[in-house]
N, C-alpha and C. Protein backbone atom coordinates (compact mmCIF):
# COMPACT_ATOMS: atom_id res chain seq x y z
N MET A 1 -48.62 -51.11 -93.71
CA MET A 1 -48.03 -52.45 -93.66
C MET A 1 -48.68 -53.26 -92.54
N SER A 2 -48.89 -54.54 -92.78
CA SER A 2 -49.48 -55.40 -91.76
C SER A 2 -48.43 -55.87 -90.77
N TYR A 3 -48.89 -56.34 -89.62
CA TYR A 3 -47.98 -56.85 -88.59
C TYR A 3 -47.14 -57.99 -89.13
N GLU A 4 -47.77 -58.95 -89.81
CA GLU A 4 -47.03 -60.13 -90.28
C GLU A 4 -45.97 -59.76 -91.31
N ARG A 5 -46.29 -58.85 -92.20
CA ARG A 5 -45.29 -58.44 -93.20
C ARG A 5 -44.11 -57.76 -92.52
N ASP A 6 -44.38 -56.97 -91.49
CA ASP A 6 -43.30 -56.32 -90.74
C ASP A 6 -42.41 -57.36 -90.07
N ILE A 7 -43.03 -58.39 -89.47
CA ILE A 7 -42.27 -59.47 -88.83
C ILE A 7 -41.43 -60.21 -89.86
N MET A 8 -42.01 -60.49 -91.02
CA MET A 8 -41.29 -61.22 -92.07
C MET A 8 -40.08 -60.42 -92.55
N ASN A 9 -40.26 -59.13 -92.73
CA ASN A 9 -39.14 -58.28 -93.16
C ASN A 9 -38.02 -58.28 -92.14
N LYS A 10 -38.39 -58.21 -90.86
CA LYS A 10 -37.36 -58.24 -89.81
C LYS A 10 -36.62 -59.57 -89.82
N GLY A 11 -37.36 -60.67 -90.02
CA GLY A 11 -36.72 -61.98 -90.07
C GLY A 11 -35.77 -62.11 -91.23
N GLN A 12 -36.15 -61.59 -92.39
CA GLN A 12 -35.30 -61.67 -93.57
C GLN A 12 -34.06 -60.81 -93.43
N ASN A 13 -34.17 -59.74 -92.62
CA ASN A 13 -33.02 -58.85 -92.39
C ASN A 13 -32.24 -59.24 -91.14
N SER A 14 -32.56 -60.42 -90.59
CA SER A 14 -31.88 -60.96 -89.40
C SER A 14 -31.98 -60.03 -88.20
N GLU A 15 -33.08 -59.28 -88.11
CA GLU A 15 -33.29 -58.42 -86.95
C GLU A 15 -33.94 -59.24 -85.83
N ASN A 16 -33.58 -58.91 -84.60
CA ASN A 16 -34.18 -59.60 -83.47
C ASN A 16 -35.62 -59.13 -83.28
N LEU A 17 -36.50 -60.09 -83.00
CA LEU A 17 -37.89 -59.75 -82.74
C LEU A 17 -38.05 -59.45 -81.25
N THR A 18 -38.63 -58.30 -80.95
CA THR A 18 -38.68 -57.84 -79.56
C THR A 18 -39.89 -58.36 -78.80
N ASP A 19 -40.80 -59.04 -79.48
CA ASP A 19 -42.04 -59.43 -78.82
C ASP A 19 -42.07 -60.90 -78.41
N ARG A 20 -40.90 -61.50 -78.23
CA ARG A 20 -40.88 -62.92 -77.88
C ARG A 20 -41.50 -63.13 -76.49
N LEU A 21 -42.31 -64.18 -76.41
CA LEU A 21 -42.92 -64.54 -75.14
C LEU A 21 -41.86 -65.22 -74.29
N ASP A 22 -41.45 -64.58 -73.22
CA ASP A 22 -40.35 -65.11 -72.41
C ASP A 22 -40.82 -65.19 -70.96
N VAL A 23 -41.44 -66.32 -70.60
CA VAL A 23 -41.93 -66.51 -69.24
C VAL A 23 -40.83 -67.18 -68.42
N PRO A 24 -40.38 -66.56 -67.33
CA PRO A 24 -39.35 -67.20 -66.50
C PRO A 24 -39.78 -68.59 -66.04
N LEU A 25 -38.84 -69.51 -65.99
CA LEU A 25 -39.14 -70.91 -65.67
C LEU A 25 -39.88 -71.05 -64.34
N LEU A 26 -39.38 -70.42 -63.29
CA LEU A 26 -40.00 -70.57 -61.97
C LEU A 26 -41.42 -70.01 -61.96
N LYS A 27 -41.63 -68.89 -62.64
CA LYS A 27 -42.97 -68.32 -62.71
C LYS A 27 -43.91 -69.27 -63.44
N TYR A 28 -43.45 -69.82 -64.55
CA TYR A 28 -44.29 -70.74 -65.33
C TYR A 28 -44.66 -71.96 -64.49
N LEU A 29 -43.67 -72.55 -63.81
CA LEU A 29 -43.92 -73.75 -63.01
C LEU A 29 -44.87 -73.45 -61.86
N TRP A 30 -44.73 -72.27 -61.24
CA TRP A 30 -45.60 -71.91 -60.13
C TRP A 30 -47.04 -71.74 -60.62
N GLU A 31 -47.23 -71.06 -61.75
CA GLU A 31 -48.57 -70.84 -62.26
C GLU A 31 -49.20 -72.14 -62.77
N ALA A 32 -48.37 -73.11 -63.16
CA ALA A 32 -48.89 -74.40 -63.63
C ALA A 32 -49.16 -75.36 -62.46
N SER A 33 -48.68 -74.99 -61.28
CA SER A 33 -48.82 -75.86 -60.12
C SER A 33 -50.26 -75.91 -59.62
N PRO A 34 -50.72 -77.07 -59.13
CA PRO A 34 -52.07 -77.15 -58.55
C PRO A 34 -52.20 -76.32 -57.27
N LEU A 35 -51.08 -75.88 -56.69
CA LEU A 35 -51.10 -75.05 -55.49
C LEU A 35 -51.34 -73.58 -55.81
N TYR A 36 -51.29 -73.24 -57.11
CA TYR A 36 -51.45 -71.84 -57.51
C TYR A 36 -52.94 -71.49 -57.57
N PHE A 37 -53.34 -70.50 -56.76
CA PHE A 37 -54.74 -70.10 -56.73
C PHE A 37 -54.94 -68.66 -57.20
N GLY A 38 -53.93 -68.13 -57.88
CA GLY A 38 -54.04 -66.77 -58.40
C GLY A 38 -54.88 -66.74 -59.66
N LYS A 39 -54.70 -65.70 -60.44
CA LYS A 39 -55.44 -65.54 -61.68
C LYS A 39 -55.11 -66.71 -62.61
N LYS A 40 -56.14 -67.43 -63.03
CA LYS A 40 -55.93 -68.61 -63.86
C LYS A 40 -55.79 -68.28 -65.35
N ASP A 41 -55.73 -67.01 -65.67
CA ASP A 41 -55.60 -66.59 -67.05
C ASP A 41 -54.12 -66.55 -67.44
N ASN A 42 -53.44 -67.70 -67.29
CA ASN A 42 -52.02 -67.76 -67.60
C ASN A 42 -51.79 -68.63 -68.83
N TYR A 43 -50.56 -68.65 -69.30
CA TYR A 43 -50.27 -69.35 -70.56
C TYR A 43 -50.47 -70.85 -70.46
N HIS A 44 -50.11 -71.42 -69.31
CA HIS A 44 -50.27 -72.87 -69.14
C HIS A 44 -51.74 -73.27 -69.24
N GLU A 45 -52.59 -72.59 -68.50
CA GLU A 45 -54.03 -72.89 -68.52
C GLU A 45 -54.61 -72.65 -69.91
N PHE A 46 -54.16 -71.60 -70.55
CA PHE A 46 -54.66 -71.26 -71.88
C PHE A 46 -54.39 -72.40 -72.86
N PHE A 47 -53.15 -72.86 -72.91
CA PHE A 47 -52.79 -73.88 -73.90
C PHE A 47 -53.31 -75.27 -73.54
N LYS A 48 -53.53 -75.52 -72.26
CA LYS A 48 -54.10 -76.82 -71.87
C LYS A 48 -55.52 -76.98 -72.43
N LYS A 49 -56.18 -75.84 -72.70
CA LYS A 49 -57.56 -75.88 -73.20
C LYS A 49 -57.65 -75.70 -74.71
N ILE A 50 -56.51 -75.69 -75.39
CA ILE A 50 -56.50 -75.61 -76.85
C ILE A 50 -56.50 -77.03 -77.41
N SER A 51 -57.49 -77.35 -78.20
CA SER A 51 -57.64 -78.74 -78.67
C SER A 51 -56.45 -79.21 -79.49
N VAL A 52 -55.84 -78.32 -80.25
CA VAL A 52 -54.72 -78.71 -81.10
C VAL A 52 -53.50 -79.14 -80.28
N LEU A 53 -53.44 -78.74 -79.02
CA LEU A 53 -52.30 -79.10 -78.17
C LEU A 53 -52.70 -80.08 -77.07
N SER A 54 -53.81 -80.74 -77.23
CA SER A 54 -54.33 -81.63 -76.18
C SER A 54 -53.42 -82.81 -75.90
N SER A 55 -52.60 -83.20 -76.88
CA SER A 55 -51.70 -84.34 -76.68
C SER A 55 -50.36 -83.94 -76.07
N PHE A 56 -50.17 -82.63 -75.82
CA PHE A 56 -48.91 -82.15 -75.27
C PHE A 56 -48.89 -82.34 -73.76
N SER A 57 -47.74 -82.76 -73.24
CA SER A 57 -47.56 -82.85 -71.79
C SER A 57 -47.34 -81.44 -71.23
N ASP A 58 -47.37 -81.31 -69.90
CA ASP A 58 -47.13 -80.01 -69.28
C ASP A 58 -45.77 -79.45 -69.68
N ASN A 59 -44.76 -80.31 -69.70
CA ASN A 59 -43.42 -79.84 -70.05
C ASN A 59 -43.34 -79.46 -71.52
N GLU A 60 -44.04 -80.19 -72.39
CA GLU A 60 -44.03 -79.85 -73.81
C GLU A 60 -44.72 -78.51 -74.04
N ILE A 61 -45.77 -78.22 -73.30
CA ILE A 61 -46.42 -76.91 -73.41
C ILE A 61 -45.46 -75.82 -72.96
N ARG A 62 -44.73 -76.07 -71.87
CA ARG A 62 -43.76 -75.09 -71.38
C ARG A 62 -42.70 -74.81 -72.45
N LEU A 63 -42.18 -75.86 -73.08
CA LEU A 63 -41.17 -75.69 -74.12
C LEU A 63 -41.76 -74.98 -75.33
N PHE A 64 -43.00 -75.31 -75.66
CA PHE A 64 -43.66 -74.70 -76.82
C PHE A 64 -43.77 -73.19 -76.65
N THR A 65 -44.08 -72.72 -75.44
CA THR A 65 -44.24 -71.28 -75.22
C THR A 65 -42.95 -70.50 -75.46
N LYS A 66 -41.80 -71.18 -75.37
CA LYS A 66 -40.51 -70.51 -75.59
C LYS A 66 -40.35 -70.03 -77.03
N PHE A 67 -41.13 -70.61 -77.94
CA PHE A 67 -41.01 -70.27 -79.36
C PHE A 67 -42.08 -69.29 -79.84
N LEU A 68 -42.86 -68.77 -78.91
CA LEU A 68 -43.98 -67.90 -79.27
C LEU A 68 -43.64 -66.42 -79.12
N HIS A 69 -44.43 -65.61 -79.81
CA HIS A 69 -44.32 -64.16 -79.72
C HIS A 69 -45.66 -63.61 -79.27
N ARG A 70 -45.62 -62.64 -78.37
CA ARG A 70 -46.85 -62.02 -77.86
C ARG A 70 -46.96 -60.61 -78.41
N ARG A 71 -48.13 -60.30 -78.94
CA ARG A 71 -48.33 -58.96 -79.51
C ARG A 71 -49.75 -58.50 -79.24
N GLU A 72 -49.88 -57.24 -78.77
CA GLU A 72 -51.19 -56.64 -78.54
C GLU A 72 -51.58 -55.80 -79.75
N PHE A 73 -52.86 -55.88 -80.13
CA PHE A 73 -53.38 -55.13 -81.27
C PHE A 73 -54.53 -54.25 -80.81
N ILE A 74 -54.60 -53.06 -81.38
CA ILE A 74 -55.74 -52.19 -81.11
C ILE A 74 -56.85 -52.56 -82.09
N ALA A 75 -58.08 -52.13 -81.80
CA ALA A 75 -59.20 -52.40 -82.69
C ALA A 75 -58.92 -51.86 -84.09
N ASP A 76 -59.25 -52.65 -85.10
CA ASP A 76 -59.07 -52.32 -86.53
C ASP A 76 -57.63 -52.41 -87.01
N GLU A 77 -56.72 -52.90 -86.20
CA GLU A 77 -55.34 -53.07 -86.66
C GLU A 77 -55.24 -54.35 -87.50
N VAL A 78 -54.54 -54.27 -88.62
CA VAL A 78 -54.42 -55.39 -89.56
C VAL A 78 -53.30 -56.33 -89.13
N ILE A 79 -53.62 -57.62 -89.01
CA ILE A 79 -52.62 -58.64 -88.68
C ILE A 79 -51.93 -59.10 -89.95
N PHE A 80 -52.70 -59.49 -90.95
CA PHE A 80 -52.16 -59.70 -92.30
C PHE A 80 -53.25 -59.47 -93.33
N ARG A 81 -52.81 -59.24 -94.58
CA ARG A 81 -53.74 -58.94 -95.66
C ARG A 81 -53.82 -60.09 -96.65
N GLN A 82 -54.96 -60.21 -97.29
CA GLN A 82 -55.13 -61.19 -98.35
C GLN A 82 -54.07 -60.96 -99.42
N GLY A 83 -53.40 -62.03 -99.84
CA GLY A 83 -52.35 -61.92 -100.85
C GLY A 83 -50.96 -61.81 -100.28
N ASP A 84 -50.82 -61.47 -98.98
CA ASP A 84 -49.50 -61.43 -98.35
C ASP A 84 -48.90 -62.83 -98.29
N SER A 85 -47.59 -62.91 -98.24
CA SER A 85 -46.92 -64.20 -98.02
C SER A 85 -47.20 -64.67 -96.61
N GLY A 86 -47.62 -65.93 -96.47
CA GLY A 86 -47.88 -66.48 -95.14
C GLY A 86 -46.60 -66.71 -94.37
N TYR A 87 -46.61 -66.37 -93.08
CA TYR A 87 -45.39 -66.46 -92.29
C TYR A 87 -45.62 -67.02 -90.89
N GLY A 88 -46.86 -66.94 -90.37
CA GLY A 88 -47.08 -67.34 -88.99
C GLY A 88 -48.42 -68.00 -88.73
N PHE A 89 -48.51 -68.58 -87.55
CA PHE A 89 -49.71 -69.26 -87.05
C PHE A 89 -50.04 -68.60 -85.72
N TYR A 90 -51.31 -68.23 -85.50
CA TYR A 90 -51.67 -67.39 -84.36
C TYR A 90 -52.74 -68.03 -83.48
N PHE A 91 -52.57 -67.84 -82.17
CA PHE A 91 -53.57 -68.22 -81.17
C PHE A 91 -54.13 -66.94 -80.56
N ILE A 92 -55.44 -66.88 -80.37
CA ILE A 92 -56.07 -65.68 -79.78
C ILE A 92 -56.09 -65.85 -78.27
N PHE A 93 -55.23 -65.11 -77.58
CA PHE A 93 -55.13 -65.17 -76.12
C PHE A 93 -56.18 -64.30 -75.46
N GLU A 94 -56.43 -63.14 -76.06
CA GLU A 94 -57.49 -62.23 -75.58
C GLU A 94 -58.11 -61.56 -76.80
N GLY A 95 -59.38 -61.17 -76.67
CA GLY A 95 -60.02 -60.41 -77.73
C GLY A 95 -60.59 -61.27 -78.84
N ALA A 96 -60.64 -60.70 -80.05
CA ALA A 96 -61.23 -61.39 -81.20
C ALA A 96 -60.70 -60.77 -82.48
N VAL A 97 -60.78 -61.53 -83.57
CA VAL A 97 -60.37 -61.03 -84.88
C VAL A 97 -61.49 -61.27 -85.89
N ASP A 98 -61.56 -60.40 -86.89
CA ASP A 98 -62.51 -60.55 -87.99
C ASP A 98 -61.75 -60.96 -89.25
N ILE A 99 -62.34 -61.87 -90.01
CA ILE A 99 -61.73 -62.36 -91.24
C ILE A 99 -62.55 -61.87 -92.42
N TYR A 100 -61.84 -61.29 -93.42
CA TYR A 100 -62.47 -60.78 -94.62
C TYR A 100 -61.84 -61.44 -95.85
N ALA A 101 -62.62 -61.58 -96.93
CA ALA A 101 -62.11 -62.15 -98.18
C ALA A 101 -62.64 -61.36 -99.36
N ASN A 102 -62.04 -61.60 -100.53
CA ASN A 102 -62.47 -60.99 -101.80
C ASN A 102 -62.30 -59.48 -101.81
N HIS A 103 -61.16 -59.00 -101.28
CA HIS A 103 -60.95 -57.56 -101.32
C HIS A 103 -60.50 -57.13 -102.71
N LEU A 104 -60.64 -55.82 -103.01
CA LEU A 104 -60.22 -55.29 -104.30
C LEU A 104 -58.73 -54.96 -104.24
N ASN A 105 -57.95 -55.57 -105.12
CA ASN A 105 -56.50 -55.33 -105.13
C ASN A 105 -56.16 -53.88 -105.45
N SER A 106 -57.04 -53.21 -106.18
CA SER A 106 -56.77 -51.83 -106.56
C SER A 106 -56.95 -50.86 -105.40
N ASN A 107 -57.60 -51.31 -104.33
CA ASN A 107 -57.86 -50.44 -103.18
C ASN A 107 -57.34 -51.11 -101.91
N PRO A 108 -56.16 -50.70 -101.42
CA PRO A 108 -55.58 -51.34 -100.23
C PRO A 108 -56.40 -51.17 -98.97
N ASP A 109 -57.29 -50.16 -98.94
CA ASP A 109 -58.14 -49.93 -97.77
C ASP A 109 -59.38 -50.82 -97.76
N ASP A 110 -59.66 -51.46 -98.89
CA ASP A 110 -60.83 -52.33 -98.97
C ASP A 110 -60.52 -53.68 -98.33
N ARG A 111 -61.31 -54.06 -97.34
CA ARG A 111 -61.07 -55.33 -96.65
C ARG A 111 -61.79 -56.49 -97.31
N GLY A 112 -62.80 -56.21 -98.10
CA GLY A 112 -63.56 -57.26 -98.74
C GLY A 112 -64.81 -57.61 -97.95
N ASP A 113 -65.28 -58.84 -98.13
CA ASP A 113 -66.51 -59.29 -97.49
C ASP A 113 -66.21 -59.95 -96.15
N PHE A 114 -67.01 -59.61 -95.14
CA PHE A 114 -66.85 -60.23 -93.83
C PHE A 114 -67.18 -61.72 -93.93
N VAL A 115 -66.31 -62.56 -93.34
CA VAL A 115 -66.50 -64.01 -93.39
C VAL A 115 -66.90 -64.56 -92.03
N ILE A 116 -66.08 -64.27 -91.01
CA ILE A 116 -66.33 -64.86 -89.69
C ILE A 116 -65.53 -64.10 -88.63
N ARG A 117 -65.98 -64.20 -87.39
CA ARG A 117 -65.23 -63.67 -86.25
C ARG A 117 -64.70 -64.83 -85.43
N LEU A 118 -63.42 -64.76 -85.07
CA LEU A 118 -62.79 -65.77 -84.22
C LEU A 118 -62.52 -65.16 -82.85
N ASP A 119 -62.77 -65.95 -81.79
CA ASP A 119 -62.64 -65.46 -80.43
C ASP A 119 -61.51 -66.18 -79.68
N ARG A 120 -61.43 -65.88 -78.40
CA ARG A 120 -60.41 -66.44 -77.52
C ARG A 120 -60.31 -67.96 -77.66
N ARG A 121 -59.07 -68.44 -77.67
CA ARG A 121 -58.69 -69.84 -77.80
C ARG A 121 -58.88 -70.41 -79.20
N GLN A 122 -59.30 -69.60 -80.14
CA GLN A 122 -59.32 -70.06 -81.53
C GLN A 122 -58.00 -69.68 -82.18
N TYR A 123 -57.76 -70.22 -83.35
CA TYR A 123 -56.46 -70.02 -84.00
C TYR A 123 -56.65 -69.90 -85.50
N PHE A 124 -55.64 -69.36 -86.17
CA PHE A 124 -55.72 -69.14 -87.62
C PHE A 124 -54.32 -68.99 -88.19
N GLY A 125 -54.21 -69.15 -89.51
CA GLY A 125 -52.94 -68.91 -90.21
C GLY A 125 -52.03 -70.10 -90.35
N GLU A 126 -52.53 -71.31 -90.05
CA GLU A 126 -51.66 -72.48 -90.03
C GLU A 126 -50.99 -72.78 -91.38
N MET A 127 -51.65 -72.43 -92.49
CA MET A 127 -51.07 -72.72 -93.80
C MET A 127 -49.80 -71.91 -94.04
N GLY A 128 -49.68 -70.77 -93.36
CA GLY A 128 -48.48 -69.95 -93.49
C GLY A 128 -47.24 -70.64 -92.97
N LEU A 129 -47.41 -71.60 -92.06
CA LEU A 129 -46.27 -72.35 -91.54
C LEU A 129 -45.88 -73.52 -92.44
N LEU A 130 -46.85 -74.13 -93.09
CA LEU A 130 -46.61 -75.40 -93.79
C LEU A 130 -46.30 -75.26 -95.26
N GLU A 131 -46.76 -74.18 -95.89
CA GLU A 131 -46.52 -74.01 -97.32
C GLU A 131 -45.44 -72.96 -97.55
N ASP A 132 -44.44 -73.31 -98.36
CA ASP A 132 -43.32 -72.39 -98.61
C ASP A 132 -43.74 -71.13 -99.34
N PHE A 133 -44.67 -71.26 -100.28
CA PHE A 133 -45.06 -70.11 -101.08
C PHE A 133 -46.53 -69.77 -100.87
N ASN A 134 -46.96 -69.93 -99.62
CA ASN A 134 -48.36 -69.67 -99.29
C ASN A 134 -48.69 -68.19 -99.41
N ARG A 135 -49.85 -67.90 -99.98
CA ARG A 135 -50.38 -66.55 -100.03
C ARG A 135 -51.64 -66.52 -99.19
N ARG A 136 -51.77 -65.55 -98.33
CA ARG A 136 -52.92 -65.47 -97.45
C ARG A 136 -54.20 -65.36 -98.28
N SER A 137 -55.18 -66.18 -97.93
CA SER A 137 -56.44 -66.21 -98.68
C SER A 137 -57.47 -65.24 -98.10
N ALA A 138 -57.11 -64.54 -97.02
CA ALA A 138 -58.04 -63.61 -96.39
C ALA A 138 -57.26 -62.53 -95.66
N THR A 139 -57.97 -61.47 -95.32
CA THR A 139 -57.42 -60.40 -94.49
C THR A 139 -57.93 -60.59 -93.07
N VAL A 140 -57.05 -60.47 -92.08
CA VAL A 140 -57.43 -60.64 -90.68
C VAL A 140 -57.17 -59.34 -89.93
N VAL A 141 -58.20 -58.88 -89.22
CA VAL A 141 -58.16 -57.59 -88.53
C VAL A 141 -58.63 -57.77 -87.09
N ALA A 142 -57.94 -57.13 -86.15
CA ALA A 142 -58.40 -57.17 -84.76
C ALA A 142 -59.72 -56.43 -84.65
N SER A 143 -60.74 -57.09 -84.10
CA SER A 143 -62.06 -56.46 -83.99
C SER A 143 -62.19 -55.63 -82.71
N GLU A 144 -61.26 -55.83 -81.79
CA GLU A 144 -61.22 -55.10 -80.52
C GLU A 144 -59.80 -55.21 -79.99
N HIS A 145 -59.55 -54.69 -78.80
CA HIS A 145 -58.21 -54.89 -78.23
C HIS A 145 -57.95 -56.39 -78.13
N THR A 146 -56.88 -56.85 -78.76
CA THR A 146 -56.63 -58.28 -78.92
C THR A 146 -55.18 -58.61 -78.63
N VAL A 147 -54.96 -59.75 -77.99
CA VAL A 147 -53.61 -60.25 -77.75
C VAL A 147 -53.46 -61.57 -78.50
N LEU A 148 -52.46 -61.63 -79.37
CA LEU A 148 -52.18 -62.85 -80.12
C LEU A 148 -50.85 -63.45 -79.68
N LEU A 149 -50.79 -64.77 -79.69
CA LEU A 149 -49.55 -65.50 -79.49
C LEU A 149 -49.23 -66.18 -80.82
N GLY A 150 -48.13 -65.79 -81.43
CA GLY A 150 -47.80 -66.29 -82.76
C GLY A 150 -46.51 -67.08 -82.80
N ILE A 151 -46.47 -68.04 -83.72
CA ILE A 151 -45.24 -68.77 -83.99
C ILE A 151 -44.95 -68.61 -85.48
N PHE A 152 -43.70 -68.29 -85.83
CA PHE A 152 -43.33 -68.01 -87.20
C PHE A 152 -42.40 -69.10 -87.75
N LYS A 153 -42.22 -69.09 -89.06
CA LYS A 153 -41.45 -70.14 -89.71
C LYS A 153 -40.07 -70.36 -89.08
N PRO A 154 -39.29 -69.30 -88.81
CA PRO A 154 -37.97 -69.53 -88.19
C PRO A 154 -38.07 -70.18 -86.81
N ASP A 155 -39.15 -69.86 -86.06
CA ASP A 155 -39.36 -70.47 -84.74
C ASP A 155 -39.61 -71.96 -84.88
N LEU A 156 -40.42 -72.33 -85.87
CA LEU A 156 -40.70 -73.75 -86.10
C LEU A 156 -39.43 -74.50 -86.49
N GLU A 157 -38.59 -73.88 -87.31
CA GLU A 157 -37.33 -74.51 -87.70
C GLU A 157 -36.43 -74.73 -86.50
N LYS A 158 -36.38 -73.74 -85.59
CA LYS A 158 -35.57 -73.90 -84.37
C LYS A 158 -36.15 -74.98 -83.48
N MET A 159 -37.47 -75.06 -83.38
CA MET A 159 -38.11 -76.09 -82.57
C MET A 159 -37.76 -77.48 -83.11
N LEU A 160 -37.82 -77.64 -84.42
CA LEU A 160 -37.51 -78.94 -85.03
C LEU A 160 -36.04 -79.30 -84.83
N GLU A 161 -35.18 -78.29 -84.79
CA GLU A 161 -33.74 -78.53 -84.60
C GLU A 161 -33.42 -78.90 -83.15
N HIS A 162 -34.00 -78.17 -82.19
CA HIS A 162 -33.65 -78.36 -80.79
C HIS A 162 -34.55 -79.37 -80.06
N TYR A 163 -35.80 -79.44 -80.47
CA TYR A 163 -36.76 -80.36 -79.84
C TYR A 163 -37.54 -81.09 -80.95
N PRO A 164 -36.89 -82.01 -81.64
CA PRO A 164 -37.52 -82.64 -82.81
C PRO A 164 -38.82 -83.37 -82.51
N VAL A 165 -38.94 -84.00 -81.35
CA VAL A 165 -40.19 -84.70 -81.02
C VAL A 165 -41.32 -83.70 -80.85
N LEU A 166 -41.05 -82.62 -80.12
CA LEU A 166 -42.04 -81.56 -79.93
C LEU A 166 -42.43 -80.95 -81.27
N GLY A 167 -41.43 -80.65 -82.10
CA GLY A 167 -41.70 -80.06 -83.41
C GLY A 167 -42.54 -80.97 -84.28
N ALA A 168 -42.23 -82.28 -84.25
CA ALA A 168 -42.99 -83.25 -85.05
C ALA A 168 -44.44 -83.33 -84.57
N LYS A 169 -44.65 -83.30 -83.24
CA LYS A 169 -46.01 -83.35 -82.70
C LYS A 169 -46.80 -82.11 -83.13
N PHE A 170 -46.15 -80.95 -83.07
CA PHE A 170 -46.84 -79.73 -83.45
C PHE A 170 -47.17 -79.74 -84.95
N LEU A 171 -46.24 -80.22 -85.78
CA LEU A 171 -46.50 -80.32 -87.22
C LEU A 171 -47.66 -81.27 -87.50
N ARG A 172 -47.69 -82.37 -86.77
CA ARG A 172 -48.78 -83.34 -86.96
C ARG A 172 -50.13 -82.71 -86.63
N GLU A 173 -50.19 -82.00 -85.51
CA GLU A 173 -51.45 -81.36 -85.11
C GLU A 173 -51.85 -80.26 -86.09
N THR A 174 -50.86 -79.53 -86.59
CA THR A 174 -51.15 -78.48 -87.56
C THR A 174 -51.68 -79.07 -88.86
N ALA A 175 -51.09 -80.19 -89.29
CA ALA A 175 -51.57 -80.87 -90.49
C ALA A 175 -53.00 -81.38 -90.30
N LEU A 176 -53.33 -81.83 -89.09
CA LEU A 176 -54.69 -82.29 -88.81
C LEU A 176 -55.70 -81.14 -88.89
N ILE A 177 -55.28 -79.96 -88.43
CA ILE A 177 -56.15 -78.78 -88.54
C ILE A 177 -56.48 -78.53 -90.01
N MET A 178 -55.43 -78.55 -90.85
CA MET A 178 -55.64 -78.31 -92.27
C MET A 178 -56.53 -79.38 -92.88
N ALA A 179 -56.32 -80.63 -92.51
CA ALA A 179 -57.12 -81.73 -93.06
C ALA A 179 -58.58 -81.56 -92.65
N ASN A 180 -58.82 -81.20 -91.40
CA ASN A 180 -60.20 -81.00 -90.92
C ASN A 180 -60.87 -79.84 -91.65
N ARG A 181 -60.12 -78.76 -91.86
CA ARG A 181 -60.70 -77.60 -92.53
C ARG A 181 -60.97 -77.91 -94.01
N MET A 182 -60.09 -78.68 -94.63
CA MET A 182 -60.31 -79.08 -96.02
C MET A 182 -61.53 -79.98 -96.12
N GLY A 183 -61.69 -80.88 -95.15
CA GLY A 183 -62.86 -81.76 -95.13
C GLY A 183 -64.14 -80.97 -94.98
N GLN A 184 -64.13 -79.97 -94.10
CA GLN A 184 -65.30 -79.12 -93.89
C GLN A 184 -65.63 -78.35 -95.16
N LEU A 185 -64.58 -77.82 -95.82
CA LEU A 185 -64.79 -77.07 -97.05
C LEU A 185 -65.38 -77.96 -98.14
N THR A 186 -64.88 -79.20 -98.23
CA THR A 186 -65.41 -80.14 -99.22
C THR A 186 -66.88 -80.43 -98.98
N ARG A 187 -67.24 -80.62 -97.70
CA ARG A 187 -68.64 -80.87 -97.38
C ARG A 187 -69.53 -79.68 -97.73
N GLU A 188 -69.03 -78.47 -97.48
CA GLU A 188 -69.81 -77.28 -97.82
C GLU A 188 -69.99 -77.14 -99.32
N ILE A 189 -68.94 -77.45 -100.08
CA ILE A 189 -69.04 -77.38 -101.54
C ILE A 189 -70.05 -78.39 -102.06
N MET A 190 -70.00 -79.61 -101.54
CA MET A 190 -70.95 -80.65 -101.95
C MET A 190 -72.39 -80.23 -101.62
N SER A 191 -72.58 -79.62 -100.45
CA SER A 191 -73.91 -79.16 -100.05
C SER A 191 -74.40 -78.07 -101.00
N LEU A 192 -73.52 -77.13 -101.36
CA LEU A 192 -73.90 -76.07 -102.29
C LEU A 192 -74.23 -76.63 -103.67
N LYS A 193 -73.48 -77.65 -104.09
CA LYS A 193 -73.76 -78.27 -105.39
C LYS A 193 -75.13 -78.94 -105.40
N ARG A 194 -75.48 -79.60 -104.30
CA ARG A 194 -76.80 -80.24 -104.21
C ARG A 194 -77.91 -79.20 -104.26
N LYS A 195 -77.72 -78.09 -103.53
CA LYS A 195 -78.73 -77.04 -103.53
C LYS A 195 -78.87 -76.40 -104.91
N LEU A 196 -77.73 -76.22 -105.59
CA LEU A 196 -77.76 -75.65 -106.93
C LEU A 196 -78.49 -76.57 -107.90
N LYS A 197 -78.24 -77.87 -107.76
CA LYS A 197 -78.91 -78.85 -108.62
C LYS A 197 -80.43 -78.84 -108.37
N GLU A 198 -80.82 -78.71 -107.11
CA GLU A 198 -82.25 -78.65 -106.78
C GLU A 198 -82.91 -77.42 -107.40
N VAL A 199 -82.20 -76.29 -107.35
CA VAL A 199 -82.72 -75.06 -107.94
C VAL A 199 -82.86 -75.20 -109.46
N GLU A 200 -81.83 -75.82 -110.09
CA GLU A 200 -81.87 -76.01 -111.54
C GLU A 200 -83.02 -76.90 -111.96
N GLN A 201 -83.33 -77.91 -111.14
CA GLN A 201 -84.42 -78.83 -111.47
C GLN A 201 -85.78 -78.15 -111.36
N ARG A 202 -85.88 -77.13 -110.53
CA ARG A 202 -87.16 -76.41 -110.37
C ARG A 202 -87.41 -75.44 -111.52
N ILE A 203 -86.33 -75.03 -112.18
CA ILE A 203 -86.47 -74.04 -113.25
C ILE A 203 -86.97 -74.72 -114.53
């Protein structure tokens, strides 16, 4: 079973998730302070450098972290599989993940074809938050020891209920990610069509 499917099952059974990111307020404020000269690998610095959250204020980033879950993965551990129901959106805090597509449904151990590797500060899985009946289009596997910060559908619903402005801003940024990726995909398809037409004309 993949990590995401396990989380989804716990959510449907109303079980508490034990991996919630819970940074004490004073610790968060101290690490976000310009007077802090310790290790800068903290959550505030991490999210300040994520482009999707660039419009968030310091306080909005602090509130946003309250809805996240932190989970460490060992190398080759599956985060979710192609065809699984989408449930979460993930930020890579440490490590890297590999994305595979076109796996054989008859063989659960088959990951399919390697597509791309994503590294620190990149993100994936946004469609799992926005589409009610989303099915994962790829399998994602930790390529090394990796730490992910994830937000799941119930967390987003709570954010919209308790902090509607923050929730709306996050939804807007998530929709922009999808729009940008769809635009990139469209451009790649058009480029492939042009190349195919050129090949056909040579034959």
